Amino acid sequence: MLIDDYMAELDDALSGPQGPKRDMVVEARDSLVDTADALEADGLDRAEAERLAVAEFGRVSEVAPGYQAELTAATGRRLGVLLLVSVPITVAMWAVLWRMYPATDEVWLHQPGWYSAVSRLLDIIQLGTGLYGGLVLFALSRGARWIRRPRLATRSLGVLVWAMLPVTAGLGMLLTYGTDAPNTLGFLPAVLANLVTSALWGVQIYCATRCVRLTRARGTAATHG
């Protein structure tokens, strides 16, 4: 069937999250089938009806950029939601743990003078990343009508995550191992907290990589198109 061939070509031309991509392709196919059915009901044979429906819908090279732009925005929205939710959870979790361990204020007297400033900087970087994720999420959803280049917003979020994670990891290691003060954080809480943090970072890196790779492909396609 001509429609099936067209949809296979459109599917190959698009990159992005499988769920939204599948919904777009199915919706486009349903639209083509409805048009072809109407033309067939008017007396055309099926092959001619499908040919006219596809011609009216537009060539893949014409319609794919619009679908791809929405898939790119959907990828950015996913990462925005992840950062908006996961970063505050990580910050709050470690803040609670370091208030519980040590159990006395005596240990804090051994902390060097830079410790408080570095800790505050770490919180600012993390919370700032989560806030930016929320802003991009808003820009790519409710604010989409004012965003002329959603691809850049999606790409900036992916690049930010890749830049932020090494910095936060370095600052975290500095706070943990850069002082002579005794570490009284319990073994089990420490393991669980690090597992949660590592898992969230892993998901963030995965989503950020998809954002960067997808927007880079779009930029390359636009250059050669």
Foldseek 3Di string as FASTA:
>chain_A
DVLVVQLVVLLVLADADPVLSVVVSVVLSVQLVVQLVVVVVVPDDSVVSSVVSDVVVPHSVVCNVVSNQLRLLVLLLVLLVLLLPQLVVLLVLVVVLVPPPPVDCPLVVQWDPCLVVLNVVLNCLSVVLNVLSPVLNCCSPVVVVVDPCNLVSLLVNLVSLVVSVVVSVVSVCCNVPVGPRDTRRDPVSVVVSVVSVVVSSVVSNVSSVSSNVSSVVVVVVVVVD
